[in-house]
Amino acid sequence: MRHYAAGFDRTTTRPRVGILIAGIGLGSADSKRAITDLPAGVSFAVSPYTLNAEVLLGSIRLAGHEYVVSLPMEPLRFPLNDPGPNAMLTTLSVEQNQPRLLWALSRFQGYAGATDIMGAMRGERLADMPDQMTPILAELNRRGLMYVAAPGQPSPVPSAWSRAVDLTIDDPADATAIDAQLAALETTARDRGTALGLVEAPRPVTVDRLAAWTSGLNNRGLALAPVSALMLPPEDKPK
């Protein structure tokens, strides 16, 4: 986490607000536009199914962004919501899910952590099973990785540096609703000191509104922070 964290002035006393954009790598043009049009403080969640990932990740690193890997985990309404052929499922044993976790973590390098968020899907159903999540979090902790949890999940979690998303920015994905959610995110940051917003996909309208919003953050007394600057220490220390 520390090695691949994006640069940030951690001495700042301003409220910190972060944005995690999921679905990176699933649409080449939209992903590239988000990487180039948004400031380095914006973080990305990259799909393990991304083709030619190293080319995309090279551009992410060059632009100074931080990124995490999306873990394909069983969401609500599965199989209607399908996180792919290598998803960790509640019907499989911990031993059967372990190779699927290692597959996702081996797809590319340079990530500061992992998340159960993959586009509009979250891995809620698997994340609600402590016997399944404990070995996942233990593996992330062993590798020094942070964990970004979907909205509504516990934060912090045992064994790993973690943070749950506070609210989703682009549901629905229209300009007025996005602006309202960004305003709500600012309010949360001022009230609590930090706030983390999720963008489900790098749609053009969302990237446009984010670009306008981030350009005025400094004047409004807030600091745009990468996800690593918003992490909470483990709920309990690993033995």
Protein backbone atom coordinates (compact mmCIF):
# COMPACT_ATOMS: atom_id res chain seq x y z
CA MET A 1 0.00 0.00 0.00
CA ARG A 2 2.71 2.48 0.94
CA HIS A 3 4.93 1.62 -2.02
CA TYR A 4 2.22 2.11 -4.64
CA ALA A 5 0.27 4.90 -2.91
CA ALA A 6 -0.14 8.11 -4.88
CA GLY A 7 1.57 11.24 -3.61
CA PHE A 8 -0.36 13.28 -1.03
CA ASP A 9 0.51 15.91 1.58
CA ARG A 10 -0.54 14.07 4.72
CA THR A 11 0.20 17.11 6.91
CA THR A 12 -2.83 18.96 5.52
CA THR A 13 -5.55 19.84 8.01
CA ARG A 14 -8.21 20.28 5.33
CA PRO A 15 -11.06 17.78 5.14
CA ARG A 16 -10.07 14.98 2.79
CA VAL A 17 -12.36 13.81 0.01
CA GLY A 18 -11.59 10.90 -2.29
CA ILE A 19 -13.07 9.42 -5.47
CA LEU A 20 -12.73 5.78 -6.56
CA ILE A 21 -13.76 5.11 -10.17
CA ALA A 22 -14.64 1.46 -10.84
CA GLY A 23 -14.99 -0.34 -14.15
CA ILE A 24 -11.60 0.81 -15.40
CA GLY A 25 -10.41 -1.40 -18.25
CA LEU A 26 -13.86 -2.58 -19.32
CA GLY A 27 -14.27 0.28 -21.80
CA SER A 28 -11.04 1.44 -23.38
CA ALA A 29 -12.05 4.90 -24.60
CA ASP A 30 -13.91 5.91 -21.43
CA SER A 31 -11.11 4.57 -19.22
CA LYS A 32 -8.43 6.48 -21.13
CA ARG A 33 -10.43 9.71 -20.95
CA ALA A 34 -10.82 9.41 -17.17
CA ILE A 35 -7.10 8.81 -16.79
CA THR A 36 -6.10 11.85 -18.83
CA ASP A 37 -8.87 14.31 -17.88
CA LEU A 38 -8.96 13.85 -14.11
CA PRO A 39 -6.35 14.98 -11.54
CA ALA A 40 -3.92 12.52 -9.98
CA GLY A 41 -5.81 12.49 -6.68
CA VAL A 42 -8.61 10.45 -8.26
CA SER A 43 -8.17 6.68 -7.73
CA PHE A 44 -9.19 3.78 -9.97
CA ALA A 45 -10.45 0.22 -9.51
CA VAL A 46 -9.22 -1.90 -12.42
CA SER A 47 -11.03 -5.02 -13.60
CA PRO A 48 -8.97 -8.24 -13.54
CA TYR A 49 -10.57 -9.08 -16.89
CA THR A 50 -8.88 -6.08 -18.54
CA LEU A 51 -7.14 -6.96 -21.80
CA ASN A 52 -3.64 -5.54 -22.41
CA ALA A 53 -3.69 -4.32 -18.81
CA GLU A 54 -0.06 -3.22 -18.70
CA VAL A 55 -0.59 -0.64 -21.45
CA LEU A 56 -3.54 0.86 -19.56
CA LEU A 57 -1.76 0.70 -16.22
CA GLY A 58 1.29 2.37 -17.70
CA SER A 59 -0.84 5.37 -18.59
CA ILE A 60 -2.39 5.37 -15.10
CA ARG A 61 1.02 5.39 -13.45
CA LEU A 62 2.33 8.06 -15.83
CA ALA A 63 -0.60 10.32 -14.89
CA GLY A 64 0.12 9.80 -11.17
CA HIS A 65 -3.09 7.94 -10.27
CA GLU A 66 -3.36 5.26 -7.63
CA TYR A 67 -5.26 2.06 -8.43
CA VAL A 68 -6.62 -1.07 -6.81
CA VAL A 69 -7.66 -4.41 -8.32
CA SER A 70 -11.36 -5.35 -8.37
CA LEU A 71 -11.96 -8.79 -6.88
CA PRO A 72 -14.76 -10.72 -8.62
CA MET A 73 -16.97 -11.73 -5.70
CA GLU A 74 -20.56 -12.99 -5.65
CA PRO A 75 -22.96 -10.00 -5.58
CA LEU A 76 -26.64 -9.79 -4.75
CA ARG A 77 -28.96 -11.12 -7.45
CA PHE A 78 -26.36 -13.60 -8.67
CA PRO A 79 -26.41 -15.13 -11.30
CA LEU A 80 -28.39 -12.30 -12.91
CA ASN A 81 -25.50 -10.08 -11.81
CA ASP A 82 -22.50 -12.12 -12.94
CA PRO A 83 -18.96 -11.08 -11.93
CA GLY A 84 -17.36 -13.44 -14.43
CA PRO A 85 -15.97 -16.96 -14.76
CA ASN A 86 -13.36 -16.58 -12.02
CA ALA A 87 -15.65 -15.13 -9.35
CA MET A 88 -15.44 -16.25 -5.73
CA LEU A 89 -18.83 -17.78 -4.92
CA THR A 90 -20.74 -18.61 -1.74
CA THR A 91 -21.43 -22.11 -3.10
CA LEU A 92 -17.70 -22.87 -3.19
CA SER A 93 -15.51 -23.75 -0.24
CA VAL A 94 -12.76 -21.44 1.03
CA GLU A 95 -10.26 -23.85 -0.52
CA GLN A 96 -12.01 -23.63 -3.89
CA ASN A 97 -12.21 -19.83 -3.78
CA GLN A 98 -8.55 -19.37 -2.87
CA PRO A 99 -7.21 -20.03 -6.42
CA ARG A 100 -9.76 -17.54 -7.76
CA LEU A 101 -8.51 -14.89 -5.34
CA LEU A 102 -4.91 -15.58 -6.35
CA TRP A 103 -5.91 -15.41 -10.02
CA ALA A 104 -7.31 -11.89 -9.56
CA LEU A 105 -4.28 -10.76 -7.59
CA SER A 106 -1.93 -12.12 -10.28
CA ARG A 107 -3.49 -10.36 -13.27
CA PHE A 108 -1.24 -7.30 -13.05
CA GLN A 109 1.07 -5.44 -10.69
CA GLY A 110 1.44 -2.01 -9.11
CA TYR A 111 -1.86 -1.86 -7.23
CA ALA A 112 -2.09 -0.48 -3.68
CA GLY A 113 -5.00 -2.66 -2.65
CA ALA A 114 -8.14 -4.51 -3.64
CA THR A 115 -11.89 -3.93 -3.59
CA ASP A 116 -15.05 -6.00 -3.85
CA ILE A 117 -16.48 -3.36 -6.22
CA MET A 118 -16.56 -4.22 -9.92
CA GLY A 119 -18.44 -1.60 -11.90
CA ALA A 120 -22.03 -1.52 -10.65
CA MET A 121 -21.58 -4.85 -8.86
CA ARG A 122 -20.44 -5.30 -5.29
CA GLY A 123 -19.47 -8.60 -3.73
CA GLU A 124 -22.03 -8.20 -0.94
CA ARG A 125 -23.18 -11.80 -0.74
CA LEU A 126 -19.69 -13.20 -0.29
CA ALA A 127 -18.57 -10.23 1.85
CA ASP A 128 -21.37 -11.04 4.33
CA MET A 129 -19.79 -14.44 5.06
CA PRO A 130 -17.04 -14.07 7.71
CA ASP A 131 -15.65 -17.54 7.03
CA GLN A 132 -15.07 -16.56 3.38
CA MET A 133 -13.83 -13.01 4.03
CA THR A 134 -11.35 -13.85 6.79
CA PRO A 135 -8.89 -15.68 4.51
CA ILE A 136 -9.32 -13.02 1.79
CA LEU A 137 -8.46 -10.21 4.20
CA ALA A 138 -5.61 -12.27 5.66
CA GLU A 139 -4.10 -12.66 2.18
CA LEU A 140 -4.41 -8.93 1.49
CA ASN A 141 -2.79 -8.14 4.84
CA ARG A 142 0.03 -10.61 4.16
CA ARG A 143 0.76 -8.74 0.93
CA GLY A 144 0.53 -5.30 2.58
CA LEU A 145 -2.57 -4.34 0.59
CA MET A 146 -5.50 -2.15 1.64
CA TYR A 147 -9.14 -3.14 1.18
CA VAL A 148 -11.84 -0.80 -0.15
CA ALA A 149 -15.28 -2.03 0.87
CA ALA A 150 -18.57 -1.31 -0.89
CA PRO A 151 -21.03 1.13 0.72
CA GLY A 152 -22.77 -0.30 3.78
CA GLN A 153 -20.02 -2.74 4.71
CA PRO A 154 -18.16 -2.55 8.04
CA SER A 155 -15.22 -0.16 8.27
CA PRO A 156 -12.61 -0.85 9.44
CA VAL A 157 -12.43 -4.61 9.03
CA PRO A 158 -10.28 -7.09 10.97
CA SER A 159 -6.68 -7.69 9.89
CA ALA A 160 -6.37 -5.24 6.99
CA TRP A 161 -6.11 -1.49 6.44
CA SER A 162 -9.50 -0.65 5.00
CA ARG A 163 -12.16 1.91 4.24
CA ALA A 164 -15.80 1.61 3.15
CA VAL A 165 -17.20 3.90 0.48
CA ASP A 166 -19.56 6.53 1.90
CA LEU A 167 -21.83 7.04 -1.11
CA THR A 168 -22.22 6.36 -4.83
CA ILE A 169 -21.87 9.36 -7.12
CA ASP A 170 -23.34 8.19 -10.45
CA ASP A 171 -26.54 6.32 -9.67
CA PRO A 172 -28.35 7.72 -11.60
CA ALA A 173 -25.71 8.89 -14.06
CA ASP A 174 -27.07 12.28 -15.04
CA ALA A 175 -25.38 15.63 -14.50
CA THR A 176 -27.85 17.04 -11.96
CA ALA A 177 -27.83 13.92 -9.79
CA ILE A 178 -24.03 13.64 -9.97
CA ASP A 179 -23.59 17.27 -8.86
CA ALA A 180 -25.97 16.68 -5.94
CA GLN A 181 -24.05 13.61 -4.80
CA LEU A 182 -20.74 15.42 -5.05
CA ALA A 183 -22.18 18.20 -2.86
CA ALA A 184 -23.31 15.55 -0.36
CA LEU A 185 -19.81 14.06 -0.39
CA GLU A 186 -18.35 17.46 0.48
CA THR A 187 -20.76 17.79 3.39
CA THR A 188 -19.73 14.36 4.69
CA ALA A 189 -16.04 15.32 4.46
CA ARG A 190 -16.62 18.53 6.42
CA ASP A 191 -18.69 16.72 9.06
CA ARG A 192 -16.38 13.74 9.53
CA GLY A 193 -13.01 14.95 8.29
CA THR A 194 -12.88 12.46 5.41
CA ALA A 195 -15.26 11.10 2.77
CA LEU A 196 -14.96 8.57 -0.05
CA GLY A 197 -17.23 8.51 -3.09
CA LEU A 198 -17.68 5.71 -5.62
CA VAL A 199 -18.13 6.14 -9.35
CA GLU A 200 -19.45 2.92 -10.89
CA ALA A 201 -18.17 3.58 -14.41
CA PRO A 202 -16.12 6.29 -16.18
CA ARG A 203 -18.99 7.54 -18.33
CA PRO A 204 -18.33 10.80 -20.22
CA VAL A 205 -20.96 12.76 -18.27
CA THR A 206 -19.48 11.62 -14.96
CA VAL A 207 -15.92 12.45 -15.98
CA ASP A 208 -17.06 15.90 -17.14
CA ARG A 209 -18.78 16.65 -13.82
CA LEU A 210 -15.83 15.28 -11.81
CA ALA A 211 -13.37 17.43 -13.75
CA ALA A 212 -15.39 20.56 -13.00
CA TRP A 213 -15.89 19.60 -9.35
CA THR A 214 -12.26 18.74 -8.60
CA SER A 215 -11.01 21.99 -10.14
CA GLY A 216 -12.73 24.00 -7.39
CA LEU A 217 -12.05 21.80 -4.36
CA ASN A 218 -9.00 23.72 -3.18
CA ASN A 219 -10.90 27.02 -3.19
CA ARG A 220 -13.67 25.39 -1.15
CA GLY A 221 -11.21 24.34 1.54
CA LEU A 222 -11.06 20.62 0.76
CA ALA A 223 -8.19 18.33 -0.20
CA LEU A 224 -8.58 15.74 -2.97
CA ALA A 225 -7.03 12.58 -1.53
CA PRO A 226 -6.14 9.19 -3.03
CA VAL A 227 -7.84 6.24 -1.38
CA SER A 228 -4.67 5.30 0.52
CA ALA A 229 -4.82 8.63 2.39
CA LEU A 230 -8.29 7.72 3.71
CA MET A 231 -7.50 4.27 5.09
CA LEU A 232 -8.34 3.18 8.63
CA PRO A 233 -6.05 0.84 10.60
CA PRO A 234 -7.15 -2.75 11.21
CA GLU A 235 -9.92 -3.34 13.71
CA ASP A 236 -7.64 -5.86 15.39
CA LYS A 237 -3.97 -6.59 14.87
CA PRO A 238 -2.96 -9.79 13.09
CA LYS A 239 -1.29 -12.35 15.34
